[in-house]
C-alpha cells in the first residue's frame, strides 16, 4: 500500500482553475544484491503493503484542494467582522493510500483533515460543514463528485478542533499508459454564493 502526500504543483493548478508513462524498450537483467542489503530492501517493500514483497507500490493520484473552496467562514447576521464570525473551517491536509484491488484497478482510500474554529458569534457548541471530494482526469474532466458532511462538537472551553473526515474508497480506471497520477482528487467545501464571494475577496489570507 502506498501512502501519498498532497501535491501542490504540476497540472494541479490548471485543473483547479477548470473546476468552479513513458515506456522504453528494455531487457531484464539479473542483479546480485549484497546479503547485507537484502533484508532492508525486503523490509522497505513490505512496508508498502503489497502482498508481493517484490512488487512496486502503485502510483497514486495527485491530491489537492480547490483554492476558492479550501475554507469556509460563517457569520451571524450581516456583518463580516471577526466579532460576527460564527465558525471558520479549513481543509488542511487531503491525503490518500493506494493499492491494487482484485481486478488490478487502482484502489484509493482518501480523506481530508479539517481544522474548525468556533467564532465569537457562535450559538451552541456543535457545527456541521459540507465538503466534497472530486475525481478529475487530465486537465479538468470531472469523473465523479462525492458530497460529505462532518459534524464538529466543541468541548467546554475549546474553540478549535482538528478532525479527520470520512474515508472515501475509490476505484480508478488505470491502464498501461495511464497511471494513477493521470488523476487528481480535489477537495473543497460546498459554498453558498456569499461564502464563495467572501473567499475570493480574501484570497490572500
N, C-alpha and C. Protein backbone atom coordinates (compact mmCIF):
# COMPACT_ATOMS: atom_id res chain seq x y z
N UNK A 1 0.85 -1.19 0.00
CA UNK A 1 0.00 0.00 0.00
C UNK A 1 0.89 1.24 0.00
N UNK A 2 0.57 2.18 -0.79
CA UNK A 2 1.38 3.37 -0.90
C UNK A 2 0.68 4.53 -0.24
N UNK A 3 1.38 5.22 0.66
CA UNK A 3 0.81 6.38 1.33
C UNK A 3 1.23 7.62 0.59
N UNK A 4 0.29 8.48 0.20
CA UNK A 4 0.57 9.60 -0.67
C UNK A 4 0.38 10.90 0.08
N UNK A 5 1.24 11.88 -0.20
CA UNK A 5 1.14 13.20 0.39
C UNK A 5 0.53 14.15 -0.62
N UNK A 6 -0.05 15.26 -0.15
CA UNK A 6 -0.66 16.21 -1.07
C UNK A 6 0.37 16.81 -2.00
N UNK A 7 -0.02 17.07 -3.23
CA UNK A 7 0.82 17.72 -4.21
C UNK A 7 0.22 19.07 -4.54
N UNK A 8 1.08 20.07 -4.68
CA UNK A 8 0.57 21.41 -4.96
C UNK A 8 1.21 22.01 -6.19
N UNK A 9 1.73 21.16 -7.06
CA UNK A 9 2.39 21.68 -8.25
C UNK A 9 1.98 20.86 -9.45
N UNK A 10 2.56 21.16 -10.59
CA UNK A 10 2.26 20.42 -11.80
C UNK A 10 0.91 20.79 -12.35
N UNK A 11 0.19 19.80 -12.91
CA UNK A 11 -1.10 20.08 -13.53
C UNK A 11 -2.18 20.50 -12.56
N UNK A 12 -1.91 20.39 -11.25
CA UNK A 12 -2.96 20.66 -10.27
C UNK A 12 -3.49 22.07 -10.38
N UNK A 13 -2.60 23.05 -10.58
CA UNK A 13 -3.06 24.43 -10.65
C UNK A 13 -3.99 24.64 -11.83
N UNK A 14 -3.67 24.02 -12.98
CA UNK A 14 -4.52 24.17 -14.15
C UNK A 14 -5.84 23.43 -13.95
N UNK A 15 -5.79 22.28 -13.28
CA UNK A 15 -7.02 21.53 -13.03
C UNK A 15 -7.94 22.31 -12.11
N UNK A 16 -7.38 22.90 -11.04
CA UNK A 16 -8.18 23.65 -10.08
C UNK A 16 -8.89 24.81 -10.75
N UNK A 17 -8.21 25.46 -11.67
CA UNK A 17 -8.83 26.59 -12.36
C UNK A 17 -10.00 26.14 -13.22
N UNK A 18 -10.01 24.93 -13.70
CA UNK A 18 -11.08 24.47 -14.58
C UNK A 18 -12.26 23.93 -13.82
N UNK A 19 -12.15 23.68 -12.54
CA UNK A 19 -13.27 23.15 -11.76
C UNK A 19 -13.89 24.32 -11.03
N UNK A 20 -14.83 25.05 -11.23
CA UNK A 20 -15.52 26.07 -10.41
C UNK A 20 -16.39 25.30 -9.72
N UNK A 21 3.06 7.45 -19.44
CA UNK A 21 4.01 6.60 -18.80
C UNK A 21 5.00 6.33 -19.90
N UNK A 22 5.76 6.89 -19.63
CA UNK A 22 6.78 6.73 -20.68
C UNK A 22 7.29 5.29 -20.67
N UNK A 23 7.22 4.58 -21.80
CA UNK A 23 7.63 3.17 -21.88
C UNK A 23 8.83 3.06 -22.80
N UNK A 24 9.89 2.50 -22.30
CA UNK A 24 11.10 2.32 -23.08
C UNK A 24 11.39 0.83 -23.25
N UNK A 25 11.94 0.42 -24.41
CA UNK A 25 12.28 -0.99 -24.57
C UNK A 25 13.42 -1.35 -23.62
N UNK A 26 13.30 -2.47 -22.96
CA UNK A 26 14.35 -2.88 -22.05
C UNK A 26 14.34 -4.39 -21.95
N UNK A 27 15.43 -4.94 -21.49
CA UNK A 27 15.55 -6.38 -21.28
C UNK A 27 15.95 -6.61 -19.83
N UNK A 28 15.27 -7.54 -19.15
CA UNK A 28 15.58 -7.77 -17.74
C UNK A 28 16.99 -8.32 -17.56
N UNK A 29 17.63 -7.87 -16.52
CA UNK A 29 18.96 -8.36 -16.19
C UNK A 29 18.96 -8.86 -14.76
N UNK A 30 19.77 -9.84 -14.50
CA UNK A 30 19.92 -10.32 -13.13
C UNK A 30 20.86 -9.37 -12.38
N UNK A 31 20.42 -8.94 -11.24
CA UNK A 31 21.23 -8.05 -10.42
C UNK A 31 21.48 -8.75 -9.09
N UNK A 32 22.72 -8.89 -8.74
CA UNK A 32 23.08 -9.54 -7.48
C UNK A 32 23.06 -8.50 -6.36
N UNK A 33 22.21 -8.73 -5.36
CA UNK A 33 22.10 -7.82 -4.23
C UNK A 33 22.95 -8.36 -3.08
N UNK A 34 23.81 -7.52 -2.52
CA UNK A 34 24.62 -7.99 -1.39
C UNK A 34 23.74 -8.46 -0.25
N UNK A 35 24.23 -9.46 0.48
CA UNK A 35 23.43 -10.04 1.56
C UNK A 35 23.07 -9.01 2.62
N UNK A 36 23.99 -8.07 2.90
CA UNK A 36 23.71 -7.09 3.94
C UNK A 36 22.61 -6.11 3.54
N UNK A 37 22.32 -6.03 2.24
CA UNK A 37 21.32 -5.08 1.76
C UNK A 37 19.97 -5.75 1.52
N UNK A 38 19.94 -7.07 1.44
CA UNK A 38 18.71 -7.77 1.07
C UNK A 38 17.60 -7.57 2.09
N UNK A 39 17.89 -7.71 3.37
CA UNK A 39 16.85 -7.59 4.39
C UNK A 39 16.26 -6.19 4.47
N UNK A 40 17.10 -5.12 4.46
CA UNK A 40 16.48 -3.79 4.46
C UNK A 40 15.58 -3.54 3.26
N UNK A 41 15.96 -4.06 2.08
CA UNK A 41 15.13 -3.86 0.90
C UNK A 41 13.80 -4.57 1.07
N UNK A 42 13.82 -5.81 1.55
CA UNK A 42 12.57 -6.55 1.75
C UNK A 42 11.69 -5.87 2.79
N UNK A 43 12.31 -5.33 3.83
CA UNK A 43 11.53 -4.63 4.85
C UNK A 43 10.86 -3.39 4.27
N UNK A 44 11.59 -2.69 3.40
CA UNK A 44 11.02 -1.49 2.78
C UNK A 44 9.85 -1.85 1.89
N UNK A 45 10.00 -2.89 1.10
CA UNK A 45 8.92 -3.30 0.22
C UNK A 45 7.71 -3.79 1.02
N UNK A 46 7.97 -4.51 2.08
CA UNK A 46 6.86 -4.98 2.91
C UNK A 46 6.11 -3.82 3.52
N UNK A 47 6.83 -2.73 3.82
CA UNK A 47 6.17 -1.56 4.38
C UNK A 47 5.22 -0.90 3.42
N UNK A 48 5.33 -1.18 2.12
CA UNK A 48 4.42 -0.60 1.14
C UNK A 48 3.07 -1.29 1.16
N UNK A 49 2.95 -2.42 1.84
CA UNK A 49 1.65 -3.06 1.99
C UNK A 49 1.30 -3.99 0.86
N UNK A 50 2.20 -4.31 -0.04
CA UNK A 50 1.89 -5.20 -1.15
C UNK A 50 1.95 -6.64 -0.70
N UNK A 51 1.10 -7.49 -1.25
CA UNK A 51 1.16 -8.91 -0.93
C UNK A 51 2.38 -9.56 -1.58
N UNK A 52 2.91 -8.97 -2.62
CA UNK A 52 4.12 -9.44 -3.26
C UNK A 52 5.28 -8.57 -2.79
N UNK A 53 6.21 -9.09 -2.00
CA UNK A 53 7.28 -8.25 -1.45
C UNK A 53 8.20 -7.69 -2.52
N UNK A 54 8.11 -8.21 -3.78
CA UNK A 54 8.98 -7.70 -4.83
C UNK A 54 8.25 -6.73 -5.76
N UNK A 55 6.98 -6.45 -5.48
CA UNK A 55 6.20 -5.57 -6.36
C UNK A 55 6.32 -4.12 -5.90
N UNK A 56 6.44 -3.21 -6.88
CA UNK A 56 6.44 -1.80 -6.56
C UNK A 56 5.03 -1.36 -6.21
N UNK A 57 4.86 -0.41 -5.27
CA UNK A 57 3.52 0.10 -4.97
C UNK A 57 2.97 0.87 -6.16
N UNK A 58 1.66 0.91 -6.35
CA UNK A 58 1.09 1.65 -7.48
C UNK A 58 1.27 3.15 -7.31
N UNK A 59 1.27 3.84 -8.44
CA UNK A 59 1.38 5.29 -8.42
C UNK A 59 0.05 5.89 -7.99
N UNK A 60 0.09 6.77 -7.01
CA UNK A 60 -1.12 7.41 -6.51
C UNK A 60 -1.54 8.58 -7.39
N UNK A 61 -2.81 8.96 -7.33
CA UNK A 61 -3.22 10.21 -7.98
C UNK A 61 -2.66 11.40 -7.21
N UNK A 62 -2.80 12.57 -7.81
CA UNK A 62 -2.44 13.79 -7.10
C UNK A 62 -3.57 14.16 -6.14
N UNK A 63 -3.21 14.84 -5.05
CA UNK A 63 -4.18 15.27 -4.06
C UNK A 63 -4.06 16.77 -3.88
N UNK A 64 -5.19 17.45 -3.77
CA UNK A 64 -5.13 18.89 -3.57
C UNK A 64 -6.48 19.45 -3.18
N UNK A 65 -6.51 20.74 -2.89
CA UNK A 65 -7.74 21.44 -2.56
C UNK A 65 -8.02 22.48 -3.63
N UNK A 66 -9.30 22.74 -3.86
CA UNK A 66 -9.71 23.77 -4.79
C UNK A 66 -9.48 25.12 -4.09
N UNK A 67 -8.63 25.99 -4.64
CA UNK A 67 -8.24 27.20 -3.90
C UNK A 67 -9.41 28.04 -3.40
N UNK A 68 -10.42 28.26 -4.22
CA UNK A 68 -11.54 29.10 -3.81
C UNK A 68 -12.44 28.43 -2.77
N UNK A 69 -12.28 27.11 -2.59
CA UNK A 69 -13.17 26.37 -1.68
C UNK A 69 -12.40 25.65 -0.59
N UNK A 70 -11.19 26.08 -0.30
CA UNK A 70 -10.38 25.41 0.70
C UNK A 70 -10.78 25.77 2.12
N UNK A 71 -11.58 26.83 2.29
CA UNK A 71 -12.05 27.19 3.61
C UNK A 71 -13.44 27.80 3.51
N UNK A 72 -14.12 27.85 4.63
CA UNK A 72 -15.47 28.41 4.69
C UNK A 72 -15.61 29.18 6.00
N UNK A 73 -16.20 30.37 5.91
CA UNK A 73 -16.42 31.21 7.08
C UNK A 73 -17.89 31.56 7.15
N UNK A 74 -18.49 31.36 8.31
CA UNK A 74 -19.89 31.70 8.51
C UNK A 74 -20.00 32.83 9.53
N UNK A 75 -20.96 33.71 9.25
CA UNK A 75 -21.17 34.87 10.12
C UNK A 75 -22.59 34.85 10.66
N UNK A 76 -22.76 35.51 11.80
CA UNK A 76 -24.08 35.67 12.39
C UNK A 76 -24.55 37.09 12.07
N UNK A 77 -25.65 37.18 11.35
CA UNK A 77 -26.13 38.49 10.94
C UNK A 77 -25.49 38.92 9.63
N UNK A 78 -25.48 40.23 9.39
CA UNK A 78 -25.00 40.74 8.11
C UNK A 78 -23.55 41.20 8.15
N UNK A 79 -22.97 41.31 9.33
CA UNK A 79 -21.59 41.76 9.44
C UNK A 79 -20.59 40.69 9.04
N UNK A 80 -19.39 41.13 8.69
CA UNK A 80 -18.32 40.20 8.33
C UNK A 80 -17.05 40.48 9.12
N UNK A 81 -17.19 41.12 10.28
CA UNK A 81 -16.04 41.35 11.15
C UNK A 81 -15.77 40.10 11.98
N UNK A 82 -14.63 40.09 12.66
CA UNK A 82 -14.27 38.95 13.49
C UNK A 82 -15.32 38.70 14.57
N UNK A 83 -15.88 39.77 15.12
CA UNK A 83 -16.88 39.60 16.18
C UNK A 83 -18.18 39.00 15.65
N UNK A 84 -18.37 39.04 14.32
CA UNK A 84 -19.58 38.47 13.70
C UNK A 84 -19.39 37.02 13.28
N UNK A 85 -18.17 36.50 13.41
CA UNK A 85 -17.88 35.15 12.91
C UNK A 85 -18.46 34.09 13.83
N UNK A 86 -19.21 33.18 13.24
CA UNK A 86 -19.76 32.06 14.00
C UNK A 86 -18.87 30.83 13.89
N UNK A 87 -18.25 30.63 12.72
CA UNK A 87 -17.44 29.43 12.52
C UNK A 87 -16.50 29.64 11.33
N UNK A 88 -15.32 29.09 11.42
CA UNK A 88 -14.37 29.08 10.31
C UNK A 88 -13.78 27.68 10.22
N UNK A 89 -13.75 27.14 9.00
CA UNK A 89 -13.20 25.78 8.81
C UNK A 89 -12.26 25.79 7.61
N UNK A 90 -11.22 24.98 7.70
CA UNK A 90 -10.23 24.88 6.62
C UNK A 90 -9.87 23.42 6.39
N UNK A 91 -9.64 23.10 5.13
CA UNK A 91 -9.11 21.78 4.79
C UNK A 91 -7.60 21.89 4.84
N UNK A 92 -6.98 21.17 5.76
CA UNK A 92 -5.55 21.33 5.99
C UNK A 92 -4.70 20.27 5.30
N UNK A 93 -5.26 19.09 5.05
CA UNK A 93 -4.42 18.02 4.52
C UNK A 93 -5.25 16.96 3.82
N UNK A 94 -5.44 17.07 2.49
CA UNK A 94 -6.04 15.95 1.76
C UNK A 94 -5.02 14.84 1.60
N UNK A 95 -5.40 13.61 1.89
CA UNK A 95 -4.45 12.51 1.86
C UNK A 95 -5.09 11.26 1.26
N UNK A 96 -4.27 10.25 1.01
CA UNK A 96 -4.79 9.00 0.50
C UNK A 96 -3.77 7.88 0.57
N UNK A 97 -4.28 6.66 0.49
CA UNK A 97 -3.44 5.46 0.44
C UNK A 97 -3.88 4.62 -0.75
N UNK A 98 -2.92 4.08 -1.47
CA UNK A 98 -3.21 3.40 -2.73
C UNK A 98 -2.79 1.93 -2.67
N UNK A 99 -3.57 1.12 -3.36
CA UNK A 99 -3.27 -0.30 -3.50
C UNK A 99 -3.97 -0.81 -4.75
N UNK A 100 -3.79 -2.08 -5.06
CA UNK A 100 -4.47 -2.71 -6.19
C UNK A 100 -5.60 -3.58 -5.67
N UNK A 101 -6.77 -3.50 -6.34
CA UNK A 101 -7.85 -4.38 -5.94
C UNK A 101 -7.72 -5.71 -6.68
N UNK A 102 -8.69 -6.62 -6.48
CA UNK A 102 -8.61 -7.96 -7.05
C UNK A 102 -8.62 -7.95 -8.57
N UNK A 103 -9.18 -6.89 -9.17
CA UNK A 103 -9.25 -6.80 -10.62
C UNK A 103 -8.08 -6.02 -11.21
N UNK A 104 -7.14 -5.62 -10.37
CA UNK A 104 -5.98 -4.90 -10.85
C UNK A 104 -6.19 -3.40 -11.00
N UNK A 105 -7.39 -2.90 -10.62
CA UNK A 105 -7.64 -1.47 -10.68
C UNK A 105 -7.00 -0.77 -9.49
N UNK A 106 -6.79 0.52 -9.64
CA UNK A 106 -6.18 1.29 -8.57
C UNK A 106 -7.22 1.62 -7.50
N UNK A 107 -6.99 1.14 -6.30
CA UNK A 107 -7.87 1.41 -5.17
C UNK A 107 -7.27 2.54 -4.34
N UNK A 108 -8.07 3.55 -4.06
CA UNK A 108 -7.60 4.70 -3.29
C UNK A 108 -8.53 4.93 -2.11
N UNK A 109 -7.97 4.93 -0.92
CA UNK A 109 -8.70 5.33 0.28
C UNK A 109 -8.26 6.76 0.60
N UNK A 110 -9.18 7.70 0.48
CA UNK A 110 -8.82 9.10 0.63
C UNK A 110 -9.67 9.79 1.68
N UNK A 111 -9.12 10.80 2.30
CA UNK A 111 -9.81 11.55 3.34
C UNK A 111 -9.14 12.92 3.47
N UNK A 112 -9.76 13.80 4.22
CA UNK A 112 -9.17 15.11 4.46
C UNK A 112 -9.09 15.37 5.95
N UNK A 113 -8.19 16.26 6.32
CA UNK A 113 -8.12 16.77 7.68
C UNK A 113 -8.78 18.14 7.71
N UNK A 114 -9.57 18.40 8.74
CA UNK A 114 -10.30 19.65 8.85
C UNK A 114 -9.91 20.36 10.15
N UNK A 115 -9.70 21.66 10.05
CA UNK A 115 -9.45 22.49 11.22
C UNK A 115 -10.63 23.45 11.35
N UNK A 116 -11.39 23.32 12.42
CA UNK A 116 -12.62 24.08 12.59
C UNK A 116 -12.49 24.96 13.84
N UNK A 117 -12.81 26.25 13.67
CA UNK A 117 -12.72 27.22 14.76
C UNK A 117 -14.11 27.78 15.08
N UNK A 118 -14.44 27.78 16.34
CA UNK A 118 -15.71 28.36 16.81
C UNK A 118 -15.51 29.85 17.02
N UNK A 119 -16.38 30.68 16.41
CA UNK A 119 -16.22 32.12 16.49
C UNK A 119 -16.97 32.76 17.64
N UNK A 120 -16.72 34.06 17.88
CA UNK A 120 -17.37 34.77 18.99
C UNK A 120 -18.89 34.81 18.86
N UNK A 121 -19.42 34.74 17.64
CA UNK A 121 -20.86 34.84 17.44
C UNK A 121 -21.55 33.48 17.37
N UNK A 122 -20.83 32.43 17.70
CA UNK A 122 -21.42 31.09 17.62
C UNK A 122 -22.52 30.91 18.65
N UNK A 123 -23.53 30.17 18.28
CA UNK A 123 -24.61 29.81 19.19
C UNK A 123 -24.61 28.29 19.33
N UNK A 124 -24.34 27.81 20.51
CA UNK A 124 -24.21 26.37 20.72
C UNK A 124 -22.78 25.92 20.48
N UNK A 125 -22.54 24.64 20.71
CA UNK A 125 -21.17 24.10 20.60
C UNK A 125 -21.09 22.97 19.57
N UNK A 126 -22.02 22.96 18.64
CA UNK A 126 -22.00 21.97 17.57
C UNK A 126 -22.15 22.67 16.23
N UNK A 127 -21.29 22.30 15.29
CA UNK A 127 -21.35 22.84 13.93
C UNK A 127 -21.24 21.67 12.96
N UNK A 128 -21.72 21.89 11.74
CA UNK A 128 -21.54 20.90 10.67
C UNK A 128 -21.06 21.62 9.43
N UNK A 129 -20.22 20.97 8.66
CA UNK A 129 -19.69 21.55 7.42
C UNK A 129 -19.87 20.53 6.30
N UNK A 130 -20.24 21.01 5.15
CA UNK A 130 -20.39 20.17 3.96
C UNK A 130 -19.19 20.39 3.04
N UNK A 131 -18.61 19.30 2.60
CA UNK A 131 -17.47 19.39 1.69
C UNK A 131 -17.57 18.27 0.67
N UNK A 132 -16.62 18.20 -0.24
CA UNK A 132 -16.68 17.20 -1.30
C UNK A 132 -15.27 16.74 -1.65
N UNK A 133 -15.23 15.56 -2.28
CA UNK A 133 -14.01 15.05 -2.92
C UNK A 133 -14.39 14.74 -4.36
N UNK A 134 -13.68 15.32 -5.31
CA UNK A 134 -13.98 15.14 -6.73
C UNK A 134 -12.82 14.43 -7.42
N UNK A 135 -13.16 13.56 -8.36
CA UNK A 135 -12.16 12.86 -9.17
C UNK A 135 -12.06 13.58 -10.51
N UNK A 136 -10.87 14.07 -10.82
CA UNK A 136 -10.65 14.82 -12.05
C UNK A 136 -9.59 14.10 -12.87
N UNK A 137 -9.84 13.97 -14.16
CA UNK A 137 -8.89 13.33 -15.05
C UNK A 137 -8.30 14.37 -16.00
N UNK A 138 -7.00 14.27 -16.21
CA UNK A 138 -6.35 15.17 -17.17
C UNK A 138 -6.44 16.62 -16.76
N UNK A 139 -6.84 17.46 -17.70
CA UNK A 139 -6.84 18.90 -17.47
C UNK A 139 -8.16 19.46 -16.96
N UNK A 140 -9.09 18.62 -16.58
CA UNK A 140 -10.30 19.18 -16.00
C UNK A 140 -11.56 18.38 -16.19
N UNK A 141 -11.48 17.15 -16.68
CA UNK A 141 -12.68 16.34 -16.85
C UNK A 141 -13.08 15.75 -15.50
N UNK A 142 -14.24 16.16 -14.99
CA UNK A 142 -14.71 15.69 -13.69
C UNK A 142 -15.41 14.34 -13.88
N UNK A 143 -14.86 13.30 -13.29
CA UNK A 143 -15.43 11.96 -13.41
C UNK A 143 -16.47 11.67 -12.34
N UNK A 144 -16.27 12.21 -11.16
CA UNK A 144 -17.20 11.93 -10.06
C UNK A 144 -17.01 12.97 -8.97
N UNK A 145 -18.06 13.18 -8.19
CA UNK A 145 -18.01 14.10 -7.06
C UNK A 145 -18.76 13.46 -5.90
N UNK A 146 -18.10 13.41 -4.73
CA UNK A 146 -18.66 12.75 -3.56
C UNK A 146 -18.93 13.79 -2.47
N UNK A 147 -20.20 14.12 -2.21
CA UNK A 147 -20.53 15.07 -1.14
C UNK A 147 -20.41 14.41 0.23
N UNK A 148 -19.87 15.15 1.19
CA UNK A 148 -19.64 14.63 2.54
C UNK A 148 -20.03 15.69 3.56
N UNK A 149 -20.25 15.25 4.78
CA UNK A 149 -20.56 16.18 5.87
C UNK A 149 -19.81 15.75 7.11
N UNK A 150 -19.27 16.73 7.80
CA UNK A 150 -18.58 16.48 9.07
C UNK A 150 -19.27 17.28 10.17
N UNK A 151 -19.54 16.62 11.27
CA UNK A 151 -20.11 17.30 12.44
C UNK A 151 -19.01 17.53 13.46
N UNK A 152 -18.99 18.72 14.00
CA UNK A 152 -17.95 19.11 14.95
C UNK A 152 -18.61 19.44 16.28
N UNK A 153 -18.17 18.78 17.34
CA UNK A 153 -18.64 19.06 18.70
C UNK A 153 -17.48 19.69 19.47
N UNK A 154 -17.67 20.92 19.91
CA UNK A 154 -16.64 21.62 20.67
C UNK A 154 -16.81 21.32 22.15
N UNK A 155 -15.79 20.74 22.78
CA UNK A 155 -15.86 20.52 24.23
C UNK A 155 -15.88 21.86 24.97
N UNK A 156 -16.26 21.86 26.25
CA UNK A 156 -16.23 23.10 27.03
C UNK A 156 -14.83 23.74 27.03
N UNK A 157 -14.80 25.05 26.85
CA UNK A 157 -13.55 25.83 26.87
C UNK A 157 -12.61 25.49 25.72
N UNK A 158 -13.12 24.85 24.68
CA UNK A 158 -12.31 24.55 23.49
C UNK A 158 -13.00 25.17 22.29
N UNK A 159 -12.28 26.03 21.57
CA UNK A 159 -12.86 26.72 20.42
C UNK A 159 -12.19 26.36 19.10
N UNK A 160 -11.29 25.39 19.14
CA UNK A 160 -10.64 24.96 17.89
C UNK A 160 -10.47 23.44 17.94
N UNK A 161 -10.96 22.78 16.89
CA UNK A 161 -10.93 21.32 16.84
C UNK A 161 -10.38 20.89 15.48
N UNK A 162 -9.47 19.93 15.48
CA UNK A 162 -8.97 19.32 14.25
C UNK A 162 -9.50 17.89 14.18
N UNK A 163 -10.04 17.51 13.05
CA UNK A 163 -10.61 16.18 12.92
C UNK A 163 -10.33 15.62 11.53
N UNK A 164 -10.49 14.29 11.43
CA UNK A 164 -10.33 13.60 10.16
C UNK A 164 -11.70 13.29 9.58
N UNK A 165 -11.89 13.66 8.32
CA UNK A 165 -13.17 13.41 7.66
C UNK A 165 -13.35 11.94 7.31
N UNK A 166 -14.50 11.64 6.80
CA UNK A 166 -14.85 10.28 6.42
C UNK A 166 -13.94 9.78 5.29
N UNK A 167 -13.55 8.51 5.37
CA UNK A 167 -12.72 7.92 4.31
C UNK A 167 -13.61 7.48 3.15
N UNK A 168 -13.21 7.88 1.96
CA UNK A 168 -13.91 7.50 0.73
C UNK A 168 -13.01 6.54 -0.05
N UNK A 169 -13.57 5.39 -0.43
CA UNK A 169 -12.81 4.40 -1.20
C UNK A 169 -13.19 4.50 -2.67
N UNK A 170 -12.18 4.71 -3.51
CA UNK A 170 -12.39 4.89 -4.94
C UNK A 170 -11.68 3.79 -5.71
N UNK A 171 -12.19 3.50 -6.90
CA UNK A 171 -11.55 2.57 -7.82
C UNK A 171 -11.34 3.31 -9.13
N UNK A 172 -10.08 3.58 -9.46
CA UNK A 172 -9.77 4.41 -10.63
C UNK A 172 -9.38 3.53 -11.82
N UNK A 173 -9.83 3.89 -13.02
CA UNK A 173 -9.59 3.06 -14.21
C UNK A 173 -8.22 3.29 -14.82
N UNK A 174 -7.19 2.83 -14.11
CA UNK A 174 -5.85 2.92 -14.68
C UNK A 174 -5.66 1.81 -15.71
N UNK A 175 -4.67 1.99 -16.56
CA UNK A 175 -4.34 1.01 -17.60
C UNK A 175 -2.92 1.30 -18.08
N UNK A 176 -2.33 0.44 -18.88
CA UNK A 176 -0.99 0.75 -19.40
C UNK A 176 -0.99 2.09 -20.12
N UNK A 177 -0.07 2.94 -19.74
CA UNK A 177 -0.02 4.28 -20.31
C UNK A 177 -0.82 5.30 -19.54
N UNK A 178 -1.63 4.87 -18.57
CA UNK A 178 -2.41 5.79 -17.73
C UNK A 178 -2.28 5.34 -16.29
N UNK A 179 -1.31 5.88 -15.59
CA UNK A 179 -1.07 5.52 -14.19
C UNK A 179 -1.94 6.38 -13.28
N UNK A 180 -1.78 6.17 -12.00
CA UNK A 180 -2.61 6.89 -11.04
C UNK A 180 -2.45 8.39 -11.10
N UNK A 181 -1.25 8.87 -11.47
CA UNK A 181 -1.04 10.32 -11.49
C UNK A 181 -1.70 11.00 -12.68
N UNK A 182 -2.45 10.24 -13.50
CA UNK A 182 -3.27 10.86 -14.54
C UNK A 182 -4.55 11.44 -13.94
N UNK A 183 -4.79 11.17 -12.66
CA UNK A 183 -6.00 11.63 -11.98
C UNK A 183 -5.61 12.58 -10.85
N UNK A 184 -6.54 13.45 -10.51
CA UNK A 184 -6.37 14.35 -9.37
C UNK A 184 -7.61 14.25 -8.49
N UNK A 185 -7.41 14.14 -7.19
CA UNK A 185 -8.51 14.14 -6.23
C UNK A 185 -8.54 15.52 -5.58
N UNK A 186 -9.56 16.29 -5.93
CA UNK A 186 -9.71 17.65 -5.42
C UNK A 186 -10.75 17.68 -4.31
N UNK A 187 -10.45 18.37 -3.24
CA UNK A 187 -11.40 18.53 -2.15
C UNK A 187 -11.71 20.01 -1.95
N UNK A 188 -12.88 20.28 -1.39
CA UNK A 188 -13.28 21.65 -1.12
C UNK A 188 -14.59 21.66 -0.37
N UNK A 189 -14.95 22.82 0.13
CA UNK A 189 -16.22 22.97 0.84
C UNK A 189 -17.34 23.31 -0.13
N UNK A 190 -18.55 22.84 0.20
CA UNK A 190 -19.73 23.26 -0.53
C UNK A 190 -20.10 24.66 -0.04
N UNK A 191 -19.98 25.65 -0.92
CA UNK A 191 -20.14 27.04 -0.51
C UNK A 191 -21.41 27.66 -1.09
N UNK A 192 -21.98 28.57 -0.35
CA UNK A 192 -23.04 29.40 -0.90
C UNK A 192 -22.39 30.49 -1.76
N UNK A 193 -23.17 31.16 -2.61
CA UNK A 193 -22.59 32.26 -3.41
C UNK A 193 -21.92 33.33 -2.54
N UNK A 194 -22.51 33.64 -1.38
CA UNK A 194 -21.92 34.64 -0.50
C UNK A 194 -20.60 34.15 0.10
N UNK A 195 -20.54 32.87 0.47
CA UNK A 195 -19.30 32.32 1.04
C UNK A 195 -18.20 32.27 -0.02
N UNK A 196 -18.55 31.93 -1.25
CA UNK A 196 -17.57 31.91 -2.32
C UNK A 196 -17.04 33.31 -2.60
N UNK A 197 -17.93 34.30 -2.63
CA UNK A 197 -17.51 35.68 -2.86
C UNK A 197 -16.58 36.16 -1.74
N UNK A 198 -16.88 35.79 -0.50
CA UNK A 198 -16.01 36.18 0.63
C UNK A 198 -14.62 35.57 0.47
N UNK A 199 -14.55 34.28 0.07
CA UNK A 199 -13.25 33.64 -0.11
C UNK A 199 -12.43 34.34 -1.18
N UNK A 200 -13.07 34.70 -2.27
CA UNK A 200 -12.34 35.35 -3.37
C UNK A 200 -11.86 36.74 -2.99
N UNK A 201 -12.64 37.42 -2.15
CA UNK A 201 -12.23 38.74 -1.69
C UNK A 201 -11.07 38.66 -0.69
N UNK A 202 -10.94 37.52 -0.02
CA UNK A 202 -9.90 37.35 1.00
C UNK A 202 -8.92 36.26 0.59
N UNK A 203 -8.62 36.21 -0.70
CA UNK A 203 -7.76 35.14 -1.24
C UNK A 203 -6.35 35.21 -0.66
N UNK A 204 -5.91 36.35 -0.19
CA UNK A 204 -4.54 36.49 0.30
C UNK A 204 -4.41 36.14 1.77
N UNK A 205 -5.47 35.66 2.41
CA UNK A 205 -5.43 35.36 3.84
C UNK A 205 -4.51 34.20 4.14
